[in-house]
């Protein structure tokens, strides 16, 4: 799968040890891109006041597609997940504030897919419920504008908002062709070349 972008969080001075023990935790995640015209299925999180692509960590023994399907079902209630195509990987290094590690290296495997129109019940984790997370369909341009406003004006923004806003803009550039932009006509979903 192609690399879309690689980033290092500004709070990390260096990825090298330079006198400090730099223990890195490696995490893989799968994220779903589900479009219907200019509308996209997102997760709104009240705590961080942002929109993110649905998805999350890939469990041990699970491949990326299995993780994607499980996460979409849990977070959005998505049903009949199909037509799954690779979109790209977003790589990031960011601070990790838990015992034994001080850096997290995360690879987010992003896939375009189709789901049934009707969403089922979610199975959100306790922390997701406490953070006010909920699945929503939103116009992709409104999601971008909202996240940009949060980046510029909020002191409670999470570390993932930069990734999510970059991905949304890339989705617009690559998957929403000018001649196809219509809120009434779903886009054909295909992998970017």
N, C-alpha and C. Protein backbone atom coordinates (compact mmCIF):
# COMPACT_ATOMS: atom_id res chain seq x y z
N UNK A 1 0.85 -1.18 0.00
CA UNK A 1 0.00 0.00 0.00
C UNK A 1 0.89 1.24 0.00
N UNK A 2 0.51 2.26 -0.72
CA UNK A 2 1.34 3.47 -0.84
C UNK A 2 1.34 4.28 0.46
N UNK A 3 2.43 4.98 0.71
CA UNK A 3 2.56 5.87 1.86
C UNK A 3 2.01 7.24 1.46
N UNK A 4 0.99 7.70 2.17
CA UNK A 4 0.40 9.01 1.90
C UNK A 4 1.21 10.13 2.54
N UNK A 5 1.63 9.90 3.79
CA UNK A 5 2.37 10.93 4.51
C UNK A 5 3.02 10.29 5.74
N UNK A 6 4.17 10.84 6.14
CA UNK A 6 4.84 10.43 7.36
C UNK A 6 5.08 11.69 8.20
N UNK A 7 4.67 11.66 9.46
CA UNK A 7 4.79 12.84 10.31
C UNK A 7 5.43 12.50 11.65
N UNK A 8 6.06 13.51 12.23
CA UNK A 8 6.59 13.42 13.59
C UNK A 8 5.93 14.53 14.39
N UNK A 9 5.30 14.17 15.51
CA UNK A 9 4.60 15.15 16.34
C UNK A 9 5.58 16.23 16.81
N UNK A 10 5.15 17.51 16.82
CA UNK A 10 6.06 18.59 17.20
C UNK A 10 6.61 18.48 18.63
N UNK A 11 5.95 17.74 19.51
CA UNK A 11 6.46 17.58 20.88
C UNK A 11 7.63 16.60 20.97
N UNK A 12 7.93 15.91 19.89
CA UNK A 12 9.07 15.00 19.87
C UNK A 12 10.26 15.75 19.26
N UNK A 13 11.28 15.98 20.07
CA UNK A 13 12.46 16.68 19.57
C UNK A 13 13.21 15.83 18.56
N UNK A 14 13.27 14.53 18.83
CA UNK A 14 14.02 13.64 17.98
C UNK A 14 13.52 12.22 18.19
N UNK A 15 13.67 11.41 17.16
CA UNK A 15 13.34 9.99 17.29
C UNK A 15 14.55 9.20 17.76
N UNK A 16 15.71 9.84 17.77
CA UNK A 16 16.94 9.18 18.22
C UNK A 16 17.04 9.24 19.73
N UNK A 17 17.79 8.33 20.31
CA UNK A 17 17.89 8.22 21.76
C UNK A 17 18.63 9.42 22.37
N UNK A 18 19.75 9.83 21.84
CA UNK A 18 20.58 10.95 22.32
C UNK A 18 20.60 11.06 23.85
N UNK A 19 21.09 10.02 24.50
CA UNK A 19 21.21 10.04 25.95
C UNK A 19 19.97 9.55 26.68
N UNK A 20 18.85 9.58 26.04
CA UNK A 20 17.62 9.09 26.65
C UNK A 20 17.26 7.74 26.04
N UNK A 21 16.66 6.90 26.83
CA UNK A 21 16.16 5.63 26.30
C UNK A 21 14.86 5.94 25.56
N UNK A 22 14.83 5.73 24.26
CA UNK A 22 13.63 5.99 23.46
C UNK A 22 12.96 4.65 23.15
N UNK A 23 11.96 4.30 23.93
CA UNK A 23 11.23 3.07 23.71
C UNK A 23 10.00 3.37 22.85
N UNK A 24 9.89 2.66 21.76
CA UNK A 24 8.83 2.92 20.80
C UNK A 24 7.81 1.79 20.79
N UNK A 25 6.55 2.18 20.92
CA UNK A 25 5.43 1.26 20.85
C UNK A 25 4.90 1.31 19.41
N UNK A 26 4.79 0.17 18.76
CA UNK A 26 4.32 0.11 17.38
C UNK A 26 2.85 -0.30 17.36
N UNK A 27 2.05 0.45 16.64
CA UNK A 27 0.61 0.18 16.57
C UNK A 27 0.16 0.28 15.12
N UNK A 28 -0.69 -0.66 14.73
CA UNK A 28 -1.30 -0.63 13.41
C UNK A 28 -2.79 -0.41 13.57
N UNK A 29 -3.35 0.44 12.70
CA UNK A 29 -4.77 0.74 12.74
C UNK A 29 -5.33 0.62 11.33
N UNK A 30 -6.63 0.38 11.25
CA UNK A 30 -7.34 0.35 9.97
C UNK A 30 -8.45 1.38 10.02
N UNK A 31 -8.59 2.17 8.96
CA UNK A 31 -9.58 3.25 8.92
C UNK A 31 -10.39 3.15 7.63
N UNK A 32 -11.69 3.41 7.75
CA UNK A 32 -12.59 3.27 6.62
C UNK A 32 -13.01 4.60 6.02
N UNK A 33 -13.01 4.65 4.69
CA UNK A 33 -13.48 5.81 3.94
C UNK A 33 -14.77 5.39 3.26
N UNK A 34 -15.88 5.93 3.73
CA UNK A 34 -17.20 5.54 3.23
C UNK A 34 -17.90 6.79 2.74
N UNK A 35 -18.06 6.88 1.43
CA UNK A 35 -18.63 8.07 0.80
C UNK A 35 -20.01 7.80 0.22
N UNK A 36 -20.82 8.84 0.21
CA UNK A 36 -22.07 8.86 -0.53
C UNK A 36 -22.18 10.26 -1.10
N UNK A 37 -21.75 10.42 -2.36
CA UNK A 37 -21.64 11.76 -2.93
C UNK A 37 -20.59 12.53 -2.16
N UNK A 38 -20.94 13.75 -1.70
CA UNK A 38 -20.02 14.56 -0.91
C UNK A 38 -20.15 14.26 0.58
N UNK A 39 -21.03 13.37 0.94
CA UNK A 39 -21.18 12.99 2.35
C UNK A 39 -20.24 11.85 2.68
N UNK A 40 -19.72 11.88 3.90
CA UNK A 40 -18.78 10.86 4.37
C UNK A 40 -19.19 10.44 5.77
N UNK A 41 -19.04 9.16 6.06
CA UNK A 41 -19.34 8.64 7.39
C UNK A 41 -18.14 8.91 8.29
N UNK A 42 -18.38 9.66 9.34
CA UNK A 42 -17.31 10.07 10.27
C UNK A 42 -17.72 9.75 11.70
N UNK A 43 -16.76 9.86 12.61
CA UNK A 43 -17.03 9.82 14.03
C UNK A 43 -16.83 11.23 14.58
N UNK A 44 -17.87 11.76 15.22
CA UNK A 44 -17.72 13.04 15.90
C UNK A 44 -17.42 12.74 17.36
N UNK A 45 -16.38 13.39 17.91
CA UNK A 45 -16.02 13.21 19.31
C UNK A 45 -16.17 14.55 20.02
N UNK A 46 -17.14 14.59 20.94
CA UNK A 46 -17.45 15.83 21.65
C UNK A 46 -16.25 16.33 22.46
N UNK A 47 -15.52 15.43 23.12
CA UNK A 47 -14.39 15.84 23.96
C UNK A 47 -13.37 16.64 23.18
N UNK A 48 -13.06 16.20 21.96
CA UNK A 48 -12.04 16.87 21.15
C UNK A 48 -12.64 17.81 20.11
N UNK A 49 -13.96 17.79 19.97
CA UNK A 49 -14.67 18.66 19.03
C UNK A 49 -14.10 18.48 17.61
N UNK A 50 -14.02 17.18 17.19
CA UNK A 50 -13.45 16.90 15.87
C UNK A 50 -14.18 15.76 15.17
N UNK A 51 -13.90 15.63 13.89
CA UNK A 51 -14.41 14.54 13.07
C UNK A 51 -13.24 13.66 12.66
N UNK A 52 -13.40 12.34 12.83
CA UNK A 52 -12.36 11.39 12.46
C UNK A 52 -12.96 10.26 11.64
N UNK A 53 -12.12 9.64 10.83
CA UNK A 53 -12.56 8.46 10.09
C UNK A 53 -12.79 7.32 11.07
N UNK A 54 -13.83 6.53 10.85
CA UNK A 54 -14.04 5.38 11.73
C UNK A 54 -12.94 4.35 11.54
N UNK A 55 -12.56 3.72 12.62
CA UNK A 55 -11.52 2.71 12.58
C UNK A 55 -10.72 2.73 13.87
N UNK A 56 -9.77 1.83 13.96
CA UNK A 56 -8.95 1.77 15.16
C UNK A 56 -7.94 0.66 15.09
N UNK A 57 -7.41 0.32 16.23
CA UNK A 57 -6.31 -0.62 16.32
C UNK A 57 -6.63 -2.00 15.79
N UNK A 58 -5.63 -2.57 15.13
CA UNK A 58 -5.72 -3.94 14.62
C UNK A 58 -5.24 -4.86 15.73
N UNK A 59 -6.07 -5.82 16.11
CA UNK A 59 -5.74 -6.75 17.19
C UNK A 59 -4.67 -7.75 16.76
N UNK A 60 -3.97 -8.33 17.75
CA UNK A 60 -3.00 -9.38 17.47
C UNK A 60 -3.69 -10.53 16.75
N UNK A 61 -3.05 -11.04 15.70
CA UNK A 61 -3.60 -12.15 14.94
C UNK A 61 -4.64 -11.75 13.91
N UNK A 62 -4.93 -10.47 13.82
CA UNK A 62 -5.93 -9.97 12.89
C UNK A 62 -5.21 -9.31 11.72
N UNK A 63 -5.70 -9.50 10.50
CA UNK A 63 -5.12 -8.73 9.40
C UNK A 63 -5.86 -7.40 9.30
N UNK A 64 -5.35 -6.49 8.46
CA UNK A 64 -5.90 -5.13 8.39
C UNK A 64 -7.36 -5.11 7.96
N UNK A 65 -7.74 -5.96 7.01
CA UNK A 65 -9.13 -5.99 6.54
C UNK A 65 -10.07 -6.49 7.64
N UNK A 66 -9.65 -7.53 8.36
CA UNK A 66 -10.46 -8.02 9.48
C UNK A 66 -10.62 -6.94 10.55
N UNK A 67 -9.53 -6.22 10.84
CA UNK A 67 -9.59 -5.13 11.81
C UNK A 67 -10.50 -4.01 11.35
N UNK A 68 -10.42 -3.69 10.07
CA UNK A 68 -11.28 -2.64 9.49
C UNK A 68 -12.75 -3.01 9.68
N UNK A 69 -13.12 -4.21 9.28
CA UNK A 69 -14.52 -4.64 9.36
C UNK A 69 -15.00 -4.63 10.82
N UNK A 70 -14.19 -5.17 11.73
CA UNK A 70 -14.57 -5.19 13.14
C UNK A 70 -14.76 -3.78 13.68
N UNK A 71 -13.80 -2.89 13.41
CA UNK A 71 -13.88 -1.52 13.91
C UNK A 71 -15.09 -0.77 13.33
N UNK A 72 -15.35 -0.92 12.03
CA UNK A 72 -16.49 -0.24 11.43
C UNK A 72 -17.81 -0.72 12.04
N UNK A 73 -17.91 -2.03 12.25
CA UNK A 73 -19.12 -2.57 12.87
C UNK A 73 -19.29 -2.04 14.30
N UNK A 74 -18.19 -2.02 15.07
CA UNK A 74 -18.27 -1.57 16.46
C UNK A 74 -18.56 -0.08 16.57
N UNK A 75 -17.86 0.74 15.80
CA UNK A 75 -17.94 2.19 15.98
C UNK A 75 -19.12 2.83 15.27
N UNK A 76 -19.55 2.25 14.15
CA UNK A 76 -20.62 2.91 13.37
C UNK A 76 -21.86 2.05 13.20
N UNK A 77 -21.78 0.77 13.51
CA UNK A 77 -22.91 -0.12 13.23
C UNK A 77 -23.01 -0.46 11.76
N UNK A 78 -21.92 -0.25 11.01
CA UNK A 78 -21.91 -0.54 9.57
C UNK A 78 -22.25 -2.01 9.33
N UNK A 79 -23.02 -2.23 8.26
CA UNK A 79 -23.44 -3.58 7.91
C UNK A 79 -23.08 -3.87 6.46
N UNK A 80 -22.77 -5.14 6.19
CA UNK A 80 -22.45 -5.61 4.83
C UNK A 80 -21.30 -4.79 4.23
N UNK A 81 -20.18 -4.73 4.92
CA UNK A 81 -19.01 -3.97 4.47
C UNK A 81 -18.39 -4.72 3.29
N UNK A 82 -18.23 -4.03 2.16
CA UNK A 82 -17.82 -4.70 0.92
C UNK A 82 -17.06 -3.72 0.02
N UNK A 83 -16.65 -4.24 -1.14
CA UNK A 83 -15.92 -3.43 -2.14
C UNK A 83 -14.75 -2.69 -1.51
N UNK A 84 -13.97 -3.40 -0.70
CA UNK A 84 -12.87 -2.79 0.05
C UNK A 84 -11.66 -2.64 -0.86
N UNK A 85 -11.17 -1.40 -0.97
CA UNK A 85 -10.02 -1.08 -1.82
C UNK A 85 -9.00 -0.27 -1.03
N UNK A 86 -7.72 -0.56 -1.25
CA UNK A 86 -6.65 0.17 -0.58
C UNK A 86 -6.66 1.64 -1.01
N UNK A 87 -6.42 2.54 -0.04
CA UNK A 87 -6.28 3.97 -0.33
C UNK A 87 -4.88 4.45 0.00
N UNK A 88 -4.35 4.08 1.16
CA UNK A 88 -3.00 4.49 1.50
C UNK A 88 -2.74 4.40 2.99
N UNK A 89 -1.45 4.58 3.35
CA UNK A 89 -1.01 4.51 4.75
C UNK A 89 -0.60 5.90 5.22
N UNK A 90 -1.03 6.24 6.42
CA UNK A 90 -0.58 7.46 7.08
C UNK A 90 0.29 7.02 8.26
N UNK A 91 1.55 7.44 8.26
CA UNK A 91 2.50 7.06 9.30
C UNK A 91 2.73 8.23 10.24
N UNK A 92 2.73 7.94 11.54
CA UNK A 92 2.99 9.02 12.49
C UNK A 92 3.78 8.53 13.70
N UNK A 93 4.62 9.43 14.18
CA UNK A 93 5.35 9.25 15.43
C UNK A 93 4.82 10.30 16.38
N UNK A 94 4.36 9.87 17.56
CA UNK A 94 3.83 10.84 18.51
C UNK A 94 4.13 10.40 19.93
N UNK A 95 4.03 11.33 20.89
CA UNK A 95 4.32 10.98 22.28
C UNK A 95 3.38 9.88 22.78
N UNK A 96 3.90 9.02 23.63
CA UNK A 96 3.12 7.95 24.24
C UNK A 96 3.35 8.07 25.74
N UNK A 97 2.30 8.35 26.47
CA UNK A 97 2.44 8.66 27.91
C UNK A 97 1.96 7.51 28.79
N UNK A 98 2.45 6.32 28.50
CA UNK A 98 2.10 5.17 29.31
C UNK A 98 3.39 4.45 29.70
N UNK A 99 3.33 3.62 30.74
CA UNK A 99 4.56 2.95 31.20
C UNK A 99 5.26 2.16 30.09
N UNK A 100 6.57 2.14 30.14
CA UNK A 100 7.45 1.35 29.27
C UNK A 100 7.73 1.97 27.90
N UNK A 101 6.96 2.95 27.45
CA UNK A 101 7.18 3.53 26.12
C UNK A 101 7.06 5.05 26.19
N UNK A 102 7.84 5.74 25.36
CA UNK A 102 7.69 7.20 25.29
C UNK A 102 7.36 7.69 23.89
N UNK A 103 7.39 6.80 22.89
CA UNK A 103 7.01 7.16 21.52
C UNK A 103 6.07 6.09 20.98
N UNK A 104 5.04 6.54 20.26
CA UNK A 104 4.20 5.59 19.54
C UNK A 104 4.44 5.79 18.04
N UNK A 105 4.72 4.69 17.36
CA UNK A 105 4.83 4.69 15.90
C UNK A 105 3.56 4.02 15.40
N UNK A 106 2.70 4.79 14.71
CA UNK A 106 1.43 4.24 14.25
C UNK A 106 1.33 4.29 12.74
N UNK A 107 0.90 3.18 12.19
CA UNK A 107 0.59 3.08 10.77
C UNK A 107 -0.92 2.93 10.64
N UNK A 108 -1.57 3.88 9.97
CA UNK A 108 -3.01 3.82 9.72
C UNK A 108 -3.22 3.37 8.29
N UNK A 109 -3.77 2.16 8.13
CA UNK A 109 -4.08 1.60 6.82
C UNK A 109 -5.49 2.05 6.45
N UNK A 110 -5.60 2.86 5.41
CA UNK A 110 -6.88 3.44 5.03
C UNK A 110 -7.45 2.72 3.81
N UNK A 111 -8.74 2.42 3.90
CA UNK A 111 -9.43 1.68 2.84
C UNK A 111 -10.73 2.39 2.47
N UNK A 112 -11.03 2.40 1.18
CA UNK A 112 -12.33 2.85 0.69
C UNK A 112 -13.24 1.63 0.68
N UNK A 113 -14.47 1.79 1.13
CA UNK A 113 -15.40 0.66 1.11
C UNK A 113 -16.84 1.14 1.01
N UNK A 114 -17.72 0.19 0.80
CA UNK A 114 -19.15 0.45 0.69
C UNK A 114 -19.84 -0.29 1.82
N UNK A 115 -20.93 0.29 2.33
CA UNK A 115 -21.73 -0.36 3.36
C UNK A 115 -23.20 -0.21 3.00
N UNK A 116 -24.05 -0.97 3.68
CA UNK A 116 -25.49 -0.77 3.52
C UNK A 116 -25.86 0.61 4.05
N UNK A 117 -26.91 1.20 3.46
CA UNK A 117 -27.32 2.55 3.85
C UNK A 117 -27.72 2.62 5.33
N UNK A 118 -28.44 1.61 5.79
CA UNK A 118 -28.92 1.58 7.17
C UNK A 118 -27.80 1.13 8.12
N UNK A 119 -27.52 1.94 9.14
CA UNK A 119 -26.54 1.57 10.15
C UNK A 119 -27.22 0.78 11.26
N UNK A 120 -26.50 -0.20 11.81
CA UNK A 120 -27.00 -0.97 12.94
C UNK A 120 -26.57 -0.33 14.25
N UNK A 121 -26.61 -1.11 15.32
CA UNK A 121 -26.21 -0.62 16.64
C UNK A 121 -24.69 -0.60 16.76
N UNK A 122 -24.20 0.40 17.48
CA UNK A 122 -22.77 0.49 17.74
C UNK A 122 -22.43 -0.34 18.98
N UNK A 123 -21.12 -0.63 19.12
CA UNK A 123 -20.60 -1.31 20.31
C UNK A 123 -19.38 -0.52 20.78
N UNK A 124 -19.63 0.72 21.17
CA UNK A 124 -18.55 1.61 21.57
C UNK A 124 -17.96 1.18 22.91
N UNK A 125 -16.65 1.40 23.06
CA UNK A 125 -15.98 1.13 24.32
C UNK A 125 -16.33 2.23 25.31
N UNK A 126 -16.13 1.94 26.61
CA UNK A 126 -16.49 2.90 27.66
C UNK A 126 -15.87 4.27 27.44
N UNK A 127 -14.57 4.31 27.12
CA UNK A 127 -13.90 5.60 26.95
C UNK A 127 -14.46 6.35 25.74
N UNK A 128 -14.89 5.62 24.71
CA UNK A 128 -15.49 6.27 23.53
C UNK A 128 -16.82 6.91 23.89
N UNK A 129 -17.61 6.21 24.70
CA UNK A 129 -18.89 6.77 25.17
C UNK A 129 -18.63 8.00 26.04
N UNK A 130 -17.66 7.90 26.96
CA UNK A 130 -17.34 9.03 27.85
C UNK A 130 -16.82 10.23 27.07
N UNK A 131 -16.14 9.99 25.96
CA UNK A 131 -15.63 11.09 25.12
C UNK A 131 -16.71 11.68 24.22
N UNK A 132 -17.91 11.10 24.23
CA UNK A 132 -19.00 11.63 23.40
C UNK A 132 -18.85 11.30 21.93
N UNK A 133 -18.38 10.09 21.63
CA UNK A 133 -18.17 9.68 20.25
C UNK A 133 -19.47 9.15 19.65
N UNK A 134 -19.78 9.57 18.41
CA UNK A 134 -20.96 9.05 17.73
C UNK A 134 -20.74 9.10 16.22
N UNK A 135 -21.27 8.10 15.50
CA UNK A 135 -21.15 8.11 14.03
C UNK A 135 -22.13 9.10 13.42
N UNK A 136 -21.66 9.83 12.41
CA UNK A 136 -22.50 10.82 11.72
C UNK A 136 -22.14 10.85 10.23
N UNK A 137 -23.14 11.09 9.41
CA UNK A 137 -22.90 11.42 8.00
C UNK A 137 -22.78 12.93 7.93
N UNK A 138 -21.74 13.43 7.29
CA UNK A 138 -21.52 14.87 7.18
C UNK A 138 -20.93 15.18 5.81
N UNK A 139 -21.24 16.35 5.29
CA UNK A 139 -20.62 16.81 4.06
C UNK A 139 -19.12 16.93 4.30
N UNK A 140 -18.31 16.35 3.42
CA UNK A 140 -16.87 16.30 3.64
C UNK A 140 -16.24 17.68 3.75
N UNK A 141 -16.77 18.65 3.00
CA UNK A 141 -16.22 20.02 3.06
C UNK A 141 -16.54 20.66 4.41
N UNK A 142 -17.72 20.36 4.97
CA UNK A 142 -18.06 20.85 6.30
C UNK A 142 -17.18 20.22 7.37
N UNK A 143 -16.86 18.92 7.21
CA UNK A 143 -15.98 18.24 8.16
C UNK A 143 -14.58 18.86 8.15
N UNK A 144 -14.07 19.15 6.95
CA UNK A 144 -12.75 19.79 6.83
C UNK A 144 -12.76 21.16 7.49
N UNK A 145 -13.77 21.98 7.17
CA UNK A 145 -13.86 23.33 7.75
C UNK A 145 -13.97 23.27 9.27
N UNK A 146 -14.76 22.32 9.77
CA UNK A 146 -14.92 22.17 11.22
C UNK A 146 -13.58 21.82 11.87
N UNK A 147 -12.88 20.82 11.31
CA UNK A 147 -11.58 20.42 11.88
C UNK A 147 -10.57 21.55 11.81
N UNK A 148 -10.54 22.28 10.70
CA UNK A 148 -9.61 23.41 10.60
C UNK A 148 -9.90 24.47 11.65
N UNK A 149 -11.19 24.71 11.91
CA UNK A 149 -11.57 25.67 12.95
C UNK A 149 -11.11 25.18 14.32
N UNK A 150 -11.28 23.89 14.58
CA UNK A 150 -10.84 23.31 15.85
C UNK A 150 -9.32 23.42 16.00
N UNK A 151 -8.58 23.11 14.92
CA UNK A 151 -7.11 23.21 14.95
C UNK A 151 -6.69 24.64 15.31
N UNK A 152 -7.36 25.62 14.71
CA UNK A 152 -6.97 27.03 14.90
C UNK A 152 -7.43 27.60 16.25
N UNK A 153 -8.50 27.07 16.81
CA UNK A 153 -9.12 27.76 17.94
C UNK A 153 -9.30 26.96 19.22
N UNK A 154 -9.05 25.66 19.22
CA UNK A 154 -9.36 24.86 20.40
C UNK A 154 -8.10 24.42 21.13
N UNK A 155 -8.14 24.52 22.46
CA UNK A 155 -7.02 24.02 23.25
C UNK A 155 -7.27 22.58 23.70
N UNK A 156 -8.41 22.01 23.33
CA UNK A 156 -8.70 20.63 23.72
C UNK A 156 -8.61 19.64 22.57
N UNK A 157 -8.04 20.08 21.45
CA UNK A 157 -7.96 19.19 20.29
C UNK A 157 -7.07 17.98 20.58
N UNK A 158 -7.42 16.84 19.99
CA UNK A 158 -6.63 15.63 20.15
C UNK A 158 -5.47 15.59 19.17
N UNK A 159 -4.61 14.59 19.33
CA UNK A 159 -3.42 14.48 18.47
C UNK A 159 -3.75 13.96 17.08
N UNK A 160 -4.94 13.40 16.88
CA UNK A 160 -5.26 12.81 15.58
C UNK A 160 -5.86 13.79 14.59
N UNK A 161 -6.21 14.99 15.00
CA UNK A 161 -6.94 15.90 14.12
C UNK A 161 -6.13 16.31 12.89
N UNK A 162 -4.82 16.45 13.02
CA UNK A 162 -3.99 16.80 11.86
C UNK A 162 -4.04 15.68 10.83
N UNK A 163 -3.93 14.43 11.29
CA UNK A 163 -4.01 13.27 10.39
C UNK A 163 -5.36 13.25 9.68
N UNK A 164 -6.42 13.41 10.45
CA UNK A 164 -7.76 13.30 9.89
C UNK A 164 -8.04 14.39 8.87
N UNK A 165 -7.59 15.60 9.13
CA UNK A 165 -7.83 16.70 8.20
C UNK A 165 -7.02 16.49 6.91
N UNK A 166 -5.79 16.02 7.05
CA UNK A 166 -5.00 15.69 5.86
C UNK A 166 -5.70 14.61 5.03
N UNK A 167 -6.18 13.56 5.69
CA UNK A 167 -6.85 12.47 4.97
C UNK A 167 -8.11 12.96 4.27
N UNK A 168 -8.90 13.79 4.95
CA UNK A 168 -10.12 14.33 4.32
C UNK A 168 -9.78 15.13 3.06
N UNK A 169 -8.76 15.95 3.13
CA UNK A 169 -8.37 16.75 1.96
C UNK A 169 -7.86 15.85 0.83
N UNK A 170 -7.14 14.79 1.17
CA UNK A 170 -6.65 13.86 0.16
C UNK A 170 -7.82 13.12 -0.49
N UNK A 171 -8.80 12.75 0.32
CA UNK A 171 -10.01 12.09 -0.21
C UNK A 171 -10.71 13.01 -1.21
N UNK A 172 -10.85 14.28 -0.87
CA UNK A 172 -11.47 15.24 -1.80
C UNK A 172 -10.67 15.31 -3.09
N UNK A 173 -9.36 15.46 -2.98
CA UNK A 173 -8.51 15.59 -4.17
C UNK A 173 -8.55 14.37 -5.07
N UNK A 174 -8.60 13.18 -4.47
CA UNK A 174 -8.45 11.96 -5.26
C UNK A 174 -9.75 11.22 -5.56
N UNK A 175 -10.76 11.36 -4.71
CA UNK A 175 -11.97 10.56 -4.90
C UNK A 175 -13.19 11.36 -5.32
N UNK A 176 -13.16 12.66 -5.14
CA UNK A 176 -14.30 13.48 -5.56
C UNK A 176 -13.93 14.27 -6.81
N UNK A 177 -14.15 13.67 -7.97
CA UNK A 177 -13.87 14.37 -9.23
C UNK A 177 -14.88 15.48 -9.43
N UNK A 178 -14.46 16.59 -10.02
CA UNK A 178 -15.35 17.74 -10.21
C UNK A 178 -16.62 17.39 -10.96
N UNK A 179 -16.50 16.55 -11.97
CA UNK A 179 -17.68 16.21 -12.75
C UNK A 179 -18.61 15.27 -12.00
N UNK A 180 -18.12 14.63 -10.92
CA UNK A 180 -18.93 13.68 -10.18
C UNK A 180 -19.51 14.28 -8.90
N UNK A 181 -19.13 15.51 -8.53
CA UNK A 181 -19.57 16.08 -7.26
C UNK A 181 -21.07 16.34 -7.29
N UNK A 182 -21.78 15.55 -6.55
CA UNK A 182 -23.22 15.68 -6.44
C UNK A 182 -23.67 14.99 -5.17
N UNK A 183 -24.46 15.68 -4.38
CA UNK A 183 -24.93 15.10 -3.12
C UNK A 183 -25.98 14.02 -3.37
N UNK A 184 -26.52 13.96 -4.57
CA UNK A 184 -27.58 13.00 -4.84
C UNK A 184 -27.06 11.74 -5.53
N UNK A 185 -25.85 11.75 -6.03
CA UNK A 185 -25.33 10.60 -6.75
C UNK A 185 -24.12 10.02 -6.04
N UNK A 186 -24.19 8.76 -5.55
CA UNK A 186 -23.02 8.17 -4.91
C UNK A 186 -21.87 8.04 -5.90
N UNK A 187 -20.65 8.19 -5.38
CA UNK A 187 -19.47 8.05 -6.22
C UNK A 187 -19.13 6.59 -6.41
N UNK A 188 -18.63 6.22 -7.58
CA UNK A 188 -18.07 4.87 -7.69
C UNK A 188 -16.81 4.83 -6.83
N UNK A 189 -16.69 3.81 -6.02
CA UNK A 189 -15.55 3.72 -5.11
C UNK A 189 -14.50 2.82 -5.71
N UNK A 190 -13.28 3.34 -5.83
CA UNK A 190 -12.18 2.57 -6.39
C UNK A 190 -10.90 2.97 -5.70
N UNK A 191 -9.95 2.12 -5.78
CA UNK A 191 -8.66 2.41 -5.15
C UNK A 191 -7.93 3.47 -5.97
N UNK A 192 -7.22 4.31 -5.26
CA UNK A 192 -6.40 5.31 -5.96
C UNK A 192 -5.21 4.60 -6.57
N UNK A 193 -4.80 5.07 -7.72
CA UNK A 193 -3.65 4.41 -8.39
C UNK A 193 -2.35 5.07 -8.02
